[in-house]
Amino acid sequence: MAVLTNITPEHLDYHGTFEEYIDAKKTLFHYVLSNTKTNKMAILPKDDETGRQRAEQMAFDTTISF
C-alpha cells in the first residue's frame, strides 16, 4: 500500500525542485506496483492534482480517494 497525503513545497530544501519532490513520491508508488505482493492499494487525495494523476496513471488493484 502507498499513501499520498499531499504535495506541498515544504520539502523543497531537500528535493530541490517541485518536480523532483513529485518524482520521489512517485517512486514509492512504483515500488508498490512492482513488488510481488497481491492486492496493491493506493490511498490518494482527490483534491490534489498529483493525487489525481497517480490514480489515473497507475493501475492499483484498489484506489481509495479522500
Protein backbone atom coordinates (compact mmCIF):
# COMPACT_ATOMS: atom_id res chain seq x y z
CA MET A 1 0.00 0.00 0.00
CA ALA A 2 1.12 3.53 -0.73
CA VAL A 3 -0.45 6.66 0.71
CA LEU A 4 -0.12 10.21 -0.55
CA THR A 5 -1.47 12.84 1.81
CA ASN A 6 -0.48 15.91 -0.19
CA ILE A 7 2.27 17.58 -2.18
CA THR A 8 3.32 20.96 -0.82
CA PRO A 9 6.51 22.99 -1.20
CA GLU A 10 7.70 22.47 2.39
CA HIS A 11 10.32 19.84 1.40
CA LEU A 12 11.91 21.70 -1.49
CA ASP A 13 15.00 22.37 0.62
CA TYR A 14 15.68 18.63 0.47
CA HIS A 15 14.39 17.79 -3.04
CA GLY A 16 15.48 20.94 -4.85
CA THR A 17 12.51 21.35 -7.18
CA PHE A 18 8.82 20.61 -7.00
CA GLU A 19 9.20 18.13 -9.89
CA GLU A 20 11.94 16.21 -8.04
CA TYR A 21 9.73 16.09 -4.96
CA ILE A 22 6.85 14.65 -7.02
CA ASP A 23 9.22 12.11 -8.59
CA ALA A 24 10.36 10.99 -5.14
CA LYS A 25 6.76 10.37 -4.13
CA LYS A 26 6.12 8.59 -7.43
CA THR A 27 8.97 6.18 -6.59
CA LEU A 28 7.01 4.90 -3.59
CA PHE A 29 4.01 4.08 -5.78
CA HIS A 30 6.20 2.36 -8.39
CA TYR A 31 7.73 0.25 -5.64
CA VAL A 32 4.30 -0.94 -4.52
CA LEU A 33 3.29 -1.77 -8.09
CA SER A 34 6.50 -3.67 -8.82
CA ASN A 35 6.64 -5.84 -5.71
CA THR A 36 5.39 -9.43 -5.71
CA LYS A 37 2.58 -8.94 -3.22
CA THR A 38 -1.06 -9.10 -4.28
CA ASN A 39 -3.84 -6.59 -3.69
CA LYS A 40 -1.83 -3.45 -4.38
CA MET A 41 -3.57 -0.40 -2.94
CA ALA A 42 -3.18 3.36 -3.18
CA ILE A 43 -4.78 6.00 -0.98
CA LEU A 44 -4.78 9.38 -2.69
CA PRO A 45 -6.20 12.87 -2.13
CA LYS A 46 -8.79 13.71 -4.79
CA ASP A 47 -8.35 17.45 -4.19
CA ASP A 48 -4.64 17.31 -5.09
CA GLU A 49 -3.58 17.35 -8.75
CA THR A 50 -0.70 14.95 -8.11
CA GLY A 51 -3.03 12.54 -6.31
CA ARG A 52 -5.47 12.58 -9.22
CA GLN A 53 -2.62 11.95 -11.67
CA ARG A 54 -1.41 8.94 -9.69
CA ALA A 55 -4.92 7.50 -9.71
CA GLU A 56 -5.14 7.92 -13.48
CA GLN A 57 -1.60 6.80 -14.38
CA MET A 58 -1.11 3.75 -12.18
CA ALA A 59 -3.10 0.52 -12.12
CA PHE A 60 -3.59 -0.42 -8.49
CA ASP A 61 -5.97 -3.21 -7.53
CA THR A 62 -7.73 -0.77 -5.20
CA THR A 63 -7.58 3.01 -5.12
CA ILE A 64 -9.20 4.95 -2.31
CA SER A 65 -9.66 8.71 -2.60
CA PHE A 66 -10.22 11.09 0.25
